[in-house]
Amino acid sequence: MSSDHRLRGLYAITSASLCADPARLVAAVEAALRGGVRLLQYRDKLGSPESREHGARLVLERCRAASVPLIVNDDLALAVRIGADGVHLGVGDGSLADARAVLGPSAIIGITCADSLARALAAEQGGASYVAFGAFFHSSTKPEAALLSIEQLRQARARLRLPICAIGGITPDRAPALVAAGADCVAAVDGVFGAADPERAARAYAAAFAV
């Protein structure tokens, strides 16, 4: 398990459907933060560079007020411009070594590993802050993703020292089993930001870490 308190708990990831409306984005982020989000990722694959930066800055302001780290999805340059706490890199989204050199030793750098333990081990060796495995369940965000079993998560936990984030179709009732199997974080997109009440949804996820 992680010794870094920033990397344990609910990891909320913004939905692109929110990002086009700054008022909705801010309201949802504020609600999720009140609900107990421990790490927040700004993810907008659809907006223009200008709108993405504007949205990221709005989210960063709310995260700073709540003392919650903000991670930028797949865009090292944007993370640098706004002074985010880190970046998350998917497969083919840039070099871990380059990101670490640019952001410095204290930045949070996450690496998508899908179902690859080998990629996770390489990320650990390369200085990643955490690795993300998934999908564990069918997900509307990445419907094509291969599914992992909880046993694969246990095997990864036995081999890795750095924090593990579980992602993909995770609902509040599914989260406790993943935490028990070794996940330091569980990530949610629609589970939080697609909910009618993001604060209540976040509280339901956070309860998996209360034991």
N, C-alpha and C. Protein backbone atom coordinates (compact mmCIF):
# COMPACT_ATOMS: atom_id res chain seq x y z
N MET A 1 0.83 -1.19 0.00
CA MET A 1 0.00 0.00 0.00
C MET A 1 0.87 1.26 0.00
N SER A 2 0.30 2.34 -0.45
CA SER A 2 1.05 3.59 -0.56
C SER A 2 1.31 4.22 0.79
N SER A 3 2.52 4.79 0.95
CA SER A 3 2.81 5.58 2.14
C SER A 3 2.53 7.05 1.90
N ASP A 4 2.16 7.41 0.68
CA ASP A 4 1.85 8.79 0.32
C ASP A 4 0.34 8.99 0.46
N HIS A 5 -0.08 9.80 1.43
CA HIS A 5 -1.51 9.97 1.69
C HIS A 5 -2.24 10.56 0.50
N ARG A 6 -1.51 11.23 -0.40
CA ARG A 6 -2.15 11.81 -1.57
C ARG A 6 -2.63 10.73 -2.53
N LEU A 7 -2.06 9.56 -2.42
CA LEU A 7 -2.32 8.50 -3.39
C LEU A 7 -3.10 7.35 -2.78
N ARG A 8 -4.01 7.67 -1.91
CA ARG A 8 -4.93 6.66 -1.38
C ARG A 8 -6.32 7.28 -1.27
N GLY A 9 -7.28 6.61 -1.88
CA GLY A 9 -8.65 7.10 -1.80
C GLY A 9 -9.29 7.21 -3.17
N LEU A 10 -10.37 7.98 -3.23
CA LEU A 10 -11.10 8.15 -4.48
C LEU A 10 -10.35 9.09 -5.42
N TYR A 11 -10.16 8.62 -6.64
CA TYR A 11 -9.49 9.38 -7.69
C TYR A 11 -10.56 9.72 -8.72
N ALA A 12 -11.05 10.94 -8.68
CA ALA A 12 -12.13 11.36 -9.59
C ALA A 12 -11.54 11.97 -10.86
N ILE A 13 -12.14 11.62 -11.99
CA ILE A 13 -11.67 12.07 -13.30
C ILE A 13 -12.81 12.80 -13.99
N THR A 14 -12.57 14.04 -14.40
CA THR A 14 -13.64 14.83 -14.98
C THR A 14 -14.14 14.22 -16.29
N SER A 15 -15.41 14.43 -16.54
CA SER A 15 -16.05 13.95 -17.75
C SER A 15 -16.02 15.04 -18.82
N ALA A 16 -15.68 14.65 -20.04
CA ALA A 16 -15.62 15.62 -21.14
C ALA A 16 -16.96 16.32 -21.35
N SER A 17 -18.06 15.64 -21.02
CA SER A 17 -19.38 16.25 -21.21
C SER A 17 -19.58 17.44 -20.27
N LEU A 18 -18.83 17.48 -19.17
CA LEU A 18 -18.91 18.62 -18.25
C LEU A 18 -18.04 19.78 -18.71
N CYS A 19 -16.94 19.46 -19.37
CA CYS A 19 -15.89 20.47 -19.58
C CYS A 19 -16.32 21.59 -20.50
N ALA A 20 -17.31 21.35 -21.35
CA ALA A 20 -17.76 22.39 -22.28
C ALA A 20 -18.56 23.48 -21.57
N ASP A 21 -18.99 23.20 -20.36
CA ASP A 21 -19.79 24.16 -19.60
C ASP A 21 -19.06 24.48 -18.30
N PRO A 22 -18.32 25.58 -18.25
CA PRO A 22 -17.50 25.88 -17.08
C PRO A 22 -18.29 25.93 -15.77
N ALA A 23 -19.51 26.44 -15.81
CA ALA A 23 -20.30 26.53 -14.58
C ALA A 23 -20.64 25.14 -14.05
N ARG A 24 -21.06 24.24 -14.95
CA ARG A 24 -21.36 22.86 -14.53
C ARG A 24 -20.11 22.16 -14.04
N LEU A 25 -19.01 22.38 -14.73
CA LEU A 25 -17.74 21.75 -14.34
C LEU A 25 -17.35 22.16 -12.93
N VAL A 26 -17.37 23.45 -12.67
CA VAL A 26 -16.96 23.95 -11.35
C VAL A 26 -17.90 23.43 -10.26
N ALA A 27 -19.20 23.47 -10.51
CA ALA A 27 -20.17 23.00 -9.51
C ALA A 27 -19.96 21.52 -9.20
N ALA A 28 -19.74 20.73 -10.23
CA ALA A 28 -19.56 19.29 -10.02
C ALA A 28 -18.26 19.00 -9.30
N VAL A 29 -17.19 19.70 -9.67
CA VAL A 29 -15.90 19.49 -9.01
C VAL A 29 -15.98 19.90 -7.54
N GLU A 30 -16.59 21.03 -7.26
CA GLU A 30 -16.73 21.46 -5.86
C GLU A 30 -17.52 20.44 -5.05
N ALA A 31 -18.58 19.90 -5.63
CA ALA A 31 -19.38 18.91 -4.93
C ALA A 31 -18.58 17.64 -4.68
N ALA A 32 -17.85 17.17 -5.69
CA ALA A 32 -17.05 15.95 -5.54
C ALA A 32 -15.97 16.13 -4.48
N LEU A 33 -15.35 17.30 -4.46
CA LEU A 33 -14.32 17.56 -3.46
C LEU A 33 -14.92 17.55 -2.05
N ARG A 34 -16.09 18.11 -1.90
CA ARG A 34 -16.76 18.05 -0.59
C ARG A 34 -17.04 16.61 -0.18
N GLY A 35 -17.26 15.75 -1.17
CA GLY A 35 -17.58 14.36 -0.89
C GLY A 35 -16.40 13.49 -0.51
N GLY A 36 -15.20 14.01 -0.65
CA GLY A 36 -14.05 13.24 -0.19
C GLY A 36 -13.08 12.77 -1.25
N VAL A 37 -13.10 13.38 -2.43
CA VAL A 37 -12.10 13.06 -3.45
C VAL A 37 -10.70 13.35 -2.90
N ARG A 38 -9.76 12.42 -3.12
CA ARG A 38 -8.40 12.61 -2.63
C ARG A 38 -7.42 13.00 -3.73
N LEU A 39 -7.81 12.74 -4.99
CA LEU A 39 -6.97 13.05 -6.13
C LEU A 39 -7.93 13.32 -7.28
N LEU A 40 -7.65 14.38 -8.07
CA LEU A 40 -8.57 14.72 -9.15
C LEU A 40 -7.79 14.89 -10.45
N GLN A 41 -8.34 14.32 -11.51
CA GLN A 41 -7.71 14.42 -12.83
C GLN A 41 -8.61 15.22 -13.77
N TYR A 42 -7.98 16.20 -14.43
CA TYR A 42 -8.70 16.96 -15.45
C TYR A 42 -8.49 16.27 -16.79
N ARG A 43 -9.60 15.83 -17.37
CA ARG A 43 -9.54 15.08 -18.64
C ARG A 43 -10.56 15.67 -19.60
N ASP A 44 -10.07 16.25 -20.68
CA ASP A 44 -10.95 16.83 -21.69
C ASP A 44 -10.34 16.54 -23.05
N LYS A 45 -10.91 15.56 -23.75
CA LYS A 45 -10.39 15.16 -25.06
C LYS A 45 -11.07 15.90 -26.21
N LEU A 46 -12.06 16.73 -25.90
CA LEU A 46 -12.88 17.31 -26.96
C LEU A 46 -12.69 18.80 -27.16
N GLY A 47 -12.31 19.52 -26.13
CA GLY A 47 -12.27 20.97 -26.21
C GLY A 47 -11.08 21.50 -26.98
N SER A 48 -11.15 22.78 -27.33
CA SER A 48 -10.03 23.47 -27.97
C SER A 48 -8.92 23.66 -26.94
N PRO A 49 -7.70 23.92 -27.40
CA PRO A 49 -6.62 24.17 -26.43
C PRO A 49 -6.96 25.29 -25.45
N GLU A 50 -7.62 26.34 -25.93
CA GLU A 50 -7.96 27.47 -25.06
C GLU A 50 -9.00 27.06 -24.02
N SER A 51 -10.02 26.34 -24.45
CA SER A 51 -11.07 25.95 -23.50
C SER A 51 -10.54 24.92 -22.51
N ARG A 52 -9.64 24.05 -22.96
CA ARG A 52 -9.07 23.05 -22.06
C ARG A 52 -8.23 23.74 -20.98
N GLU A 53 -7.46 24.73 -21.38
CA GLU A 53 -6.65 25.43 -20.37
C GLU A 53 -7.54 26.21 -19.41
N HIS A 54 -8.57 26.83 -19.93
CA HIS A 54 -9.48 27.57 -19.06
C HIS A 54 -10.13 26.64 -18.04
N GLY A 55 -10.62 25.49 -18.52
CA GLY A 55 -11.24 24.53 -17.61
C GLY A 55 -10.27 24.00 -16.59
N ALA A 56 -9.05 23.70 -17.03
CA ALA A 56 -8.04 23.17 -16.11
C ALA A 56 -7.71 24.18 -15.02
N ARG A 57 -7.63 25.44 -15.37
CA ARG A 57 -7.33 26.47 -14.36
C ARG A 57 -8.48 26.61 -13.36
N LEU A 58 -9.70 26.52 -13.84
CA LEU A 58 -10.84 26.58 -12.93
C LEU A 58 -10.81 25.42 -11.93
N VAL A 59 -10.50 24.24 -12.44
CA VAL A 59 -10.45 23.06 -11.58
C VAL A 59 -9.28 23.15 -10.61
N LEU A 60 -8.15 23.64 -11.09
CA LEU A 60 -6.97 23.77 -10.23
C LEU A 60 -7.28 24.69 -9.04
N GLU A 61 -7.97 25.78 -9.30
CA GLU A 61 -8.31 26.72 -8.22
C GLU A 61 -9.12 26.02 -7.14
N ARG A 62 -10.09 25.20 -7.55
CA ARG A 62 -10.92 24.49 -6.57
C ARG A 62 -10.13 23.41 -5.85
N CYS A 63 -9.24 22.74 -6.56
CA CYS A 63 -8.42 21.72 -5.91
C CYS A 63 -7.47 22.34 -4.89
N ARG A 64 -6.89 23.47 -5.23
CA ARG A 64 -6.00 24.16 -4.29
C ARG A 64 -6.75 24.53 -3.01
N ALA A 65 -7.97 25.02 -3.17
CA ALA A 65 -8.76 25.42 -2.00
C ALA A 65 -9.07 24.22 -1.10
N ALA A 66 -9.16 23.04 -1.71
CA ALA A 66 -9.48 21.83 -0.95
C ALA A 66 -8.25 21.02 -0.58
N SER A 67 -7.06 21.52 -0.94
CA SER A 67 -5.79 20.80 -0.68
C SER A 67 -5.80 19.41 -1.30
N VAL A 68 -6.32 19.32 -2.52
CA VAL A 68 -6.37 18.06 -3.27
C VAL A 68 -5.50 18.22 -4.52
N PRO A 69 -4.58 17.30 -4.79
CA PRO A 69 -3.74 17.42 -5.98
C PRO A 69 -4.55 17.33 -7.27
N LEU A 70 -4.14 18.12 -8.26
CA LEU A 70 -4.74 18.06 -9.59
C LEU A 70 -3.75 17.46 -10.57
N ILE A 71 -4.21 16.43 -11.27
CA ILE A 71 -3.43 15.76 -12.31
C ILE A 71 -4.05 16.10 -13.66
N VAL A 72 -3.24 16.41 -14.65
CA VAL A 72 -3.73 16.67 -16.00
C VAL A 72 -3.56 15.41 -16.84
N ASN A 73 -4.59 15.06 -17.56
CA ASN A 73 -4.57 13.87 -18.39
C ASN A 73 -3.82 14.12 -19.70
N ASP A 74 -2.77 13.35 -19.92
CA ASP A 74 -2.13 13.23 -21.23
C ASP A 74 -1.52 14.50 -21.82
N ASP A 75 -1.36 15.56 -21.05
CA ASP A 75 -0.90 16.82 -21.63
C ASP A 75 0.14 17.46 -20.71
N LEU A 76 1.38 17.09 -20.91
CA LEU A 76 2.46 17.59 -20.07
C LEU A 76 2.59 19.11 -20.18
N ALA A 77 2.48 19.64 -21.39
CA ALA A 77 2.63 21.08 -21.58
C ALA A 77 1.56 21.85 -20.81
N LEU A 78 0.33 21.36 -20.83
CA LEU A 78 -0.75 22.02 -20.08
C LEU A 78 -0.49 21.94 -18.58
N ALA A 79 -0.04 20.79 -18.13
CA ALA A 79 0.28 20.64 -16.70
C ALA A 79 1.32 21.65 -16.26
N VAL A 80 2.31 21.87 -17.11
CA VAL A 80 3.37 22.84 -16.79
C VAL A 80 2.81 24.26 -16.78
N ARG A 81 2.01 24.61 -17.79
CA ARG A 81 1.50 25.98 -17.91
C ARG A 81 0.67 26.39 -16.72
N ILE A 82 -0.14 25.48 -16.21
CA ILE A 82 -1.05 25.87 -15.13
C ILE A 82 -0.46 25.58 -13.74
N GLY A 83 0.67 24.88 -13.69
CA GLY A 83 1.25 24.54 -12.40
C GLY A 83 0.52 23.43 -11.69
N ALA A 84 0.05 22.44 -12.45
CA ALA A 84 -0.65 21.30 -11.86
C ALA A 84 0.32 20.46 -11.02
N ASP A 85 -0.27 19.58 -10.23
CA ASP A 85 0.55 18.74 -9.35
C ASP A 85 1.16 17.55 -10.08
N GLY A 86 0.69 17.28 -11.30
CA GLY A 86 1.26 16.16 -12.03
C GLY A 86 0.52 15.91 -13.32
N VAL A 87 0.85 14.76 -13.92
CA VAL A 87 0.29 14.40 -15.22
C VAL A 87 0.05 12.90 -15.24
N HIS A 88 -0.96 12.50 -15.99
CA HIS A 88 -1.20 11.08 -16.20
C HIS A 88 -0.95 10.77 -17.67
N LEU A 89 -0.12 9.78 -17.93
CA LEU A 89 0.28 9.43 -19.28
C LEU A 89 -0.29 8.08 -19.69
N GLY A 90 -1.06 8.08 -20.77
CA GLY A 90 -1.54 6.84 -21.33
C GLY A 90 -0.50 6.22 -22.24
N VAL A 91 -0.83 5.07 -22.80
CA VAL A 91 0.08 4.41 -23.73
C VAL A 91 0.29 5.32 -24.94
N GLY A 92 1.53 5.65 -25.24
CA GLY A 92 1.82 6.51 -26.38
C GLY A 92 1.65 7.99 -26.13
N ASP A 93 1.48 8.37 -24.87
CA ASP A 93 1.23 9.78 -24.55
C ASP A 93 2.45 10.53 -24.05
N GLY A 94 3.62 10.04 -24.36
CA GLY A 94 4.83 10.75 -23.96
C GLY A 94 5.68 9.94 -23.01
N SER A 95 6.85 10.44 -22.78
CA SER A 95 7.88 9.73 -22.02
C SER A 95 7.78 10.03 -20.54
N LEU A 96 7.80 8.99 -19.74
CA LEU A 96 7.85 9.14 -18.29
C LEU A 96 9.10 9.90 -17.88
N ALA A 97 10.23 9.57 -18.48
CA ALA A 97 11.48 10.24 -18.13
C ALA A 97 11.41 11.73 -18.44
N ASP A 98 10.83 12.08 -19.59
CA ASP A 98 10.71 13.50 -19.95
C ASP A 98 9.79 14.23 -18.97
N ALA A 99 8.67 13.59 -18.62
CA ALA A 99 7.74 14.22 -17.69
C ALA A 99 8.39 14.44 -16.33
N ARG A 100 9.13 13.46 -15.86
CA ARG A 100 9.79 13.60 -14.56
C ARG A 100 10.85 14.71 -14.62
N ALA A 101 11.59 14.77 -15.72
CA ALA A 101 12.62 15.81 -15.85
C ALA A 101 12.01 17.20 -15.86
N VAL A 102 10.85 17.35 -16.48
CA VAL A 102 10.20 18.66 -16.59
C VAL A 102 9.49 19.04 -15.29
N LEU A 103 8.79 18.10 -14.69
CA LEU A 103 7.94 18.41 -13.54
C LEU A 103 8.68 18.32 -12.20
N GLY A 104 9.77 17.59 -12.17
CA GLY A 104 10.55 17.52 -10.94
C GLY A 104 10.21 16.31 -10.08
N PRO A 105 11.00 16.09 -9.04
CA PRO A 105 10.88 14.86 -8.25
C PRO A 105 9.62 14.75 -7.41
N SER A 106 8.99 15.87 -7.08
CA SER A 106 7.82 15.79 -6.20
C SER A 106 6.50 15.70 -6.96
N ALA A 107 6.53 15.83 -8.28
CA ALA A 107 5.31 15.77 -9.07
C ALA A 107 4.73 14.36 -9.05
N ILE A 108 3.42 14.28 -9.20
CA ILE A 108 2.73 13.00 -9.29
C ILE A 108 2.61 12.63 -10.76
N ILE A 109 3.21 11.51 -11.14
CA ILE A 109 3.15 11.06 -12.52
C ILE A 109 2.58 9.65 -12.55
N GLY A 110 1.41 9.52 -13.19
CA GLY A 110 0.75 8.23 -13.29
C GLY A 110 0.88 7.65 -14.68
N ILE A 111 0.90 6.33 -14.75
CA ILE A 111 1.07 5.63 -16.01
C ILE A 111 -0.05 4.63 -16.20
N THR A 112 -0.72 4.69 -17.35
CA THR A 112 -1.71 3.69 -17.71
C THR A 112 -1.02 2.39 -18.07
N CYS A 113 -1.44 1.30 -17.44
CA CYS A 113 -0.84 0.00 -17.72
C CYS A 113 -1.84 -0.99 -18.29
N ALA A 114 -3.11 -0.60 -18.38
CA ALA A 114 -4.16 -1.48 -18.91
C ALA A 114 -4.10 -2.82 -18.17
N ASP A 115 -3.72 -3.90 -18.87
CA ASP A 115 -3.62 -5.21 -18.22
C ASP A 115 -2.18 -5.72 -18.19
N SER A 116 -1.20 -4.80 -18.34
CA SER A 116 0.19 -5.21 -18.49
C SER A 116 1.00 -5.01 -17.22
N LEU A 117 1.32 -6.10 -16.54
CA LEU A 117 2.19 -6.03 -15.38
C LEU A 117 3.59 -5.61 -15.79
N ALA A 118 4.03 -6.05 -16.97
CA ALA A 118 5.38 -5.68 -17.45
C ALA A 118 5.49 -4.16 -17.60
N ARG A 119 4.46 -3.53 -18.13
CA ARG A 119 4.49 -2.07 -18.27
C ARG A 119 4.52 -1.41 -16.89
N ALA A 120 3.79 -1.97 -15.95
CA ALA A 120 3.79 -1.42 -14.60
C ALA A 120 5.15 -1.54 -13.94
N LEU A 121 5.80 -2.67 -14.10
CA LEU A 121 7.13 -2.86 -13.52
C LEU A 121 8.13 -1.89 -14.14
N ALA A 122 8.01 -1.66 -15.45
CA ALA A 122 8.89 -0.70 -16.11
C ALA A 122 8.61 0.72 -15.62
N ALA A 123 7.35 1.04 -15.39
CA ALA A 123 6.99 2.36 -14.88
C ALA A 123 7.55 2.56 -13.47
N GLU A 124 7.46 1.54 -12.66
CA GLU A 124 8.03 1.63 -11.31
C GLU A 124 9.54 1.87 -11.38
N GLN A 125 10.20 1.13 -12.23
CA GLN A 125 11.65 1.28 -12.40
C GLN A 125 12.00 2.67 -12.92
N GLY A 126 11.11 3.24 -13.74
CA GLY A 126 11.36 4.54 -14.35
C GLY A 126 10.99 5.73 -13.50
N GLY A 127 10.43 5.48 -12.32
CA GLY A 127 10.14 6.58 -11.42
C GLY A 127 8.73 7.09 -11.42
N ALA A 128 7.76 6.29 -11.87
CA ALA A 128 6.36 6.70 -11.81
C ALA A 128 5.92 6.84 -10.36
N SER A 129 4.91 7.64 -10.15
CA SER A 129 4.32 7.80 -8.81
C SER A 129 3.27 6.74 -8.53
N TYR A 130 2.53 6.36 -9.56
CA TYR A 130 1.54 5.30 -9.43
C TYR A 130 1.28 4.70 -10.80
N VAL A 131 0.68 3.52 -10.80
CA VAL A 131 0.27 2.88 -12.05
C VAL A 131 -1.23 2.63 -11.99
N ALA A 132 -1.87 2.66 -13.16
CA ALA A 132 -3.31 2.43 -13.24
C ALA A 132 -3.58 1.17 -14.05
N PHE A 133 -4.32 0.26 -13.45
CA PHE A 133 -4.75 -0.96 -14.13
C PHE A 133 -6.25 -0.91 -14.38
N GLY A 134 -6.68 -1.47 -15.50
CA GLY A 134 -8.10 -1.56 -15.80
C GLY A 134 -8.33 -1.67 -17.30
N ALA A 135 -9.51 -2.04 -17.66
CA ALA A 135 -10.74 -1.93 -16.87
C ALA A 135 -11.00 -3.22 -16.09
N PHE A 136 -11.56 -3.06 -14.90
CA PHE A 136 -11.95 -4.22 -14.11
C PHE A 136 -13.39 -4.63 -14.41
N PHE A 137 -14.18 -3.69 -14.90
CA PHE A 137 -15.56 -3.96 -15.28
C PHE A 137 -15.84 -3.19 -16.57
N HIS A 138 -16.90 -3.55 -17.24
CA HIS A 138 -17.23 -2.84 -18.49
C HIS A 138 -17.46 -1.36 -18.19
N SER A 139 -16.89 -0.52 -19.06
CA SER A 139 -16.91 0.92 -18.84
C SER A 139 -17.33 1.65 -20.10
N SER A 140 -18.21 2.64 -19.93
CA SER A 140 -18.62 3.45 -21.08
C SER A 140 -17.51 4.37 -21.53
N THR A 141 -16.56 4.67 -20.62
CA THR A 141 -15.46 5.57 -20.98
C THR A 141 -14.49 4.90 -21.95
N LYS A 142 -14.18 3.61 -21.68
CA LYS A 142 -13.29 2.84 -22.56
C LYS A 142 -13.89 1.46 -22.79
N PRO A 143 -14.93 1.40 -23.64
CA PRO A 143 -15.65 0.13 -23.81
C PRO A 143 -14.82 -0.98 -24.44
N GLU A 144 -13.72 -0.60 -25.12
CA GLU A 144 -12.91 -1.61 -25.80
C GLU A 144 -11.84 -2.22 -24.91
N ALA A 145 -11.70 -1.72 -23.68
CA ALA A 145 -10.61 -2.17 -22.81
C ALA A 145 -10.78 -3.62 -22.41
N ALA A 146 -9.65 -4.35 -22.38
CA ALA A 146 -9.66 -5.71 -21.86
C ALA A 146 -9.96 -5.69 -20.37
N LEU A 147 -10.67 -6.71 -19.90
CA LEU A 147 -11.05 -6.75 -18.49
C LEU A 147 -10.03 -7.53 -17.67
N LEU A 148 -9.72 -6.99 -16.50
CA LEU A 148 -8.83 -7.66 -15.56
C LEU A 148 -9.65 -8.28 -14.45
N SER A 149 -9.08 -9.29 -13.80
CA SER A 149 -9.72 -9.92 -12.66
C SER A 149 -9.12 -9.37 -11.37
N ILE A 150 -9.84 -9.57 -10.28
CA ILE A 150 -9.31 -9.17 -8.99
C ILE A 150 -8.06 -9.98 -8.66
N GLU A 151 -8.00 -11.21 -9.13
CA GLU A 151 -6.79 -12.01 -8.90
C GLU A 151 -5.58 -11.39 -9.59
N GLN A 152 -5.76 -10.83 -10.78
CA GLN A 152 -4.65 -10.14 -11.44
C GLN A 152 -4.20 -8.92 -10.64
N LEU A 153 -5.15 -8.25 -10.01
CA LEU A 153 -4.80 -7.12 -9.14
C LEU A 153 -3.98 -7.61 -7.95
N ARG A 154 -4.37 -8.70 -7.35
CA ARG A 154 -3.61 -9.25 -6.22
C ARG A 154 -2.18 -9.59 -6.66
N GLN A 155 -2.05 -10.17 -7.83
CA GLN A 155 -0.72 -10.53 -8.34
C GLN A 155 0.13 -9.30 -8.57
N ALA A 156 -0.49 -8.24 -9.11
CA ALA A 156 0.25 -7.00 -9.32
C ALA A 156 0.69 -6.40 -8.00
N ARG A 157 -0.22 -6.43 -7.00
CA ARG A 157 0.12 -5.87 -5.69
C ARG A 157 1.32 -6.60 -5.08
N ALA A 158 1.41 -7.89 -5.32
CA ALA A 158 2.51 -8.68 -4.76
C ALA A 158 3.85 -8.34 -5.41
N ARG A 159 3.81 -7.82 -6.62
CA ARG A 159 5.04 -7.54 -7.37
C ARG A 159 5.48 -6.08 -7.31
N LEU A 160 4.54 -5.19 -7.01
CA LEU A 160 4.81 -3.75 -7.11
C LEU A 160 4.91 -3.11 -5.73
N ARG A 161 5.77 -2.12 -5.62
CA ARG A 161 5.89 -1.35 -4.39
C ARG A 161 5.14 -0.03 -4.48
N LEU A 162 4.97 0.49 -5.68
CA LEU A 162 4.33 1.80 -5.81
C LEU A 162 2.81 1.67 -5.80
N PRO A 163 2.09 2.77 -5.57
CA PRO A 163 0.63 2.72 -5.49
C PRO A 163 -0.02 2.25 -6.79
N ILE A 164 -1.13 1.56 -6.61
CA ILE A 164 -1.92 1.04 -7.73
C ILE A 164 -3.28 1.71 -7.73
N CYS A 165 -3.68 2.18 -8.91
CA CYS A 165 -5.02 2.73 -9.12
C CYS A 165 -5.82 1.75 -9.97
N ALA A 166 -7.01 1.42 -9.52
CA ALA A 166 -7.91 0.57 -10.28
C ALA A 166 -8.93 1.45 -10.98
N ILE A 167 -9.23 1.12 -12.24
CA ILE A 167 -10.13 1.95 -13.03
C ILE A 167 -10.99 1.07 -13.93
N GLY A 168 -12.16 1.59 -14.28
CA GLY A 168 -12.97 0.91 -15.28
C GLY A 168 -14.24 0.30 -14.71
N GLY A 169 -15.35 1.02 -14.81
CA GLY A 169 -16.64 0.47 -14.42
C GLY A 169 -16.80 0.23 -12.93
N ILE A 170 -16.02 0.93 -12.12
CA ILE A 170 -16.05 0.70 -10.67
C ILE A 170 -17.16 1.53 -10.04
N THR A 171 -18.08 0.84 -9.40
CA THR A 171 -19.16 1.47 -8.66
C THR A 171 -18.82 1.43 -7.17
N PRO A 172 -19.52 2.20 -6.35
CA PRO A 172 -19.21 2.17 -4.91
C PRO A 172 -19.29 0.78 -4.29
N ASP A 173 -20.22 -0.05 -4.77
CA ASP A 173 -20.34 -1.37 -4.18
C ASP A 173 -19.24 -2.33 -4.65
N ARG A 174 -18.60 -2.01 -5.77
CA ARG A 174 -17.50 -2.83 -6.26
C ARG A 174 -16.14 -2.40 -5.68
N ALA A 175 -16.07 -1.19 -5.18
CA ALA A 175 -14.79 -0.64 -4.73
C ALA A 175 -14.16 -1.39 -3.57
N PRO A 176 -14.90 -1.81 -2.54
CA PRO A 176 -14.25 -2.45 -1.39
C PRO A 176 -13.44 -3.69 -1.75
N ALA A 177 -13.92 -4.50 -2.67
CA ALA A 177 -13.19 -5.71 -3.04
C ALA A 177 -11.86 -5.36 -3.71
N LEU A 178 -11.85 -4.30 -4.48
CA LEU A 178 -10.61 -3.87 -5.15
C LEU A 178 -9.63 -3.30 -4.13
N VAL A 179 -10.13 -2.54 -3.18
CA VAL A 179 -9.26 -2.01 -2.12
C VAL A 179 -8.67 -3.16 -1.31
N ALA A 180 -9.50 -4.16 -0.99
CA ALA A 180 -9.02 -5.31 -0.22
C ALA A 180 -7.97 -6.10 -0.98
N ALA A 181 -8.05 -6.08 -2.32
CA ALA A 181 -7.10 -6.81 -3.15
C ALA A 181 -5.81 -6.04 -3.40
N GLY A 182 -5.76 -4.78 -2.95
CA GLY A 182 -4.51 -4.05 -3.06
C GLY A 182 -4.55 -2.72 -3.78
N ALA A 183 -5.72 -2.28 -4.23
CA ALA A 183 -5.80 -0.97 -4.89
C ALA A 183 -5.67 0.15 -3.85
N ASP A 184 -4.75 1.08 -4.11
CA ASP A 184 -4.60 2.25 -3.25
C ASP A 184 -5.63 3.32 -3.60
N CYS A 185 -5.99 3.39 -4.88
CA CYS A 185 -6.99 4.34 -5.36
C CYS A 185 -7.99 3.59 -6.23
N VAL A 186 -9.21 4.07 -6.23
CA VAL A 186 -10.16 3.64 -7.26
C VAL A 186 -10.57 4.89 -8.02
N ALA A 187 -10.58 4.77 -9.33
CA ALA A 187 -10.89 5.90 -10.19
C ALA A 187 -12.33 5.81 -10.67
N ALA A 188 -12.95 6.97 -10.80
CA ALA A 188 -14.33 7.03 -11.29
C ALA A 188 -14.50 8.28 -12.14
N VAL A 189 -15.18 8.10 -13.26
CA VAL A 189 -15.53 9.22 -14.14
C VAL A 189 -17.04 9.45 -14.00
N ASP A 190 -17.81 8.64 -14.72
CA ASP A 190 -19.27 8.79 -14.69
C ASP A 190 -19.84 8.47 -13.31
N GLY A 191 -19.17 7.58 -12.57
CA GLY A 191 -19.66 7.21 -11.25
C GLY A 191 -19.76 8.40 -10.31
N VAL A 192 -18.92 9.40 -10.53
CA VAL A 192 -18.99 10.63 -9.75
C VAL A 192 -19.64 11.75 -10.55
N PHE A 193 -19.08 12.06 -11.72
CA PHE A 193 -19.52 13.23 -12.46
C PHE A 193 -20.76 12.97 -13.32
N GLY A 194 -21.14 11.72 -13.45
CA GLY A 194 -22.40 11.41 -14.12
C GLY A 194 -23.54 11.24 -13.15
N ALA A 195 -23.24 11.34 -11.87
CA ALA A 195 -24.26 11.17 -10.83
C ALA A 195 -25.08 12.44 -10.66
N ALA A 196 -26.32 12.28 -10.24
CA ALA A 196 -27.17 13.43 -9.99
C ALA A 196 -26.61 14.28 -8.85
N ASP A 197 -25.95 13.62 -7.90
CA ASP A 197 -25.38 14.30 -6.74
C ASP A 197 -23.92 13.86 -6.60
N PRO A 198 -22.98 14.57 -7.22
CA PRO A 198 -21.57 14.15 -7.16
C PRO A 198 -21.01 14.06 -5.74
N GLU A 199 -21.49 14.94 -4.86
CA GLU A 199 -20.99 14.88 -3.47
C GLU A 199 -21.38 13.57 -2.81
N ARG A 200 -22.64 13.20 -2.96
CA ARG A 200 -23.10 11.95 -2.36
C ARG A 200 -22.40 10.75 -2.99
N ALA A 201 -22.23 10.80 -4.31
CA ALA A 201 -21.54 9.71 -4.99
C ALA A 201 -20.10 9.57 -4.49
N ALA A 202 -19.41 10.69 -4.34
CA ALA A 202 -18.04 10.64 -3.86
C ALA A 202 -17.97 10.06 -2.46
N ARG A 203 -18.91 10.42 -1.62
CA ARG A 203 -18.93 9.87 -0.26
C ARG A 203 -19.10 8.36 -0.27
N ALA A 204 -19.91 7.86 -1.20
CA ALA A 204 -20.13 6.42 -1.28
C ALA A 204 -18.84 5.69 -1.67
N TYR A 205 -18.08 6.27 -2.60
CA TYR A 205 -16.78 5.67 -2.96
C TYR A 205 -15.80 5.77 -1.80
N ALA A 206 -15.74 6.94 -1.17
CA ALA A 206 -14.77 7.16 -0.11
C ALA A 206 -14.96 6.19 1.05
N ALA A 207 -16.20 5.71 1.22
CA ALA A 207 -16.47 4.79 2.32
C ALA A 207 -15.67 3.50 2.20
N ALA A 208 -15.25 3.15 0.99
CA ALA A 208 -14.46 1.92 0.79
C ALA A 208 -13.09 2.02 1.46
N PHE A 209 -12.65 3.24 1.74
CA PHE A 209 -11.33 3.45 2.33
C PHE A 209 -11.41 3.78 3.82
N ALA A 210 -12.59 3.72 4.37
CA ALA A 210 -12.79 4.15 5.76
C ALA A 210 -12.36 3.09 6.77
N VAL A 211 -12.15 1.86 6.31
CA VAL A 211 -11.78 0.80 7.25
C VAL A 211 -10.27 0.71 7.42
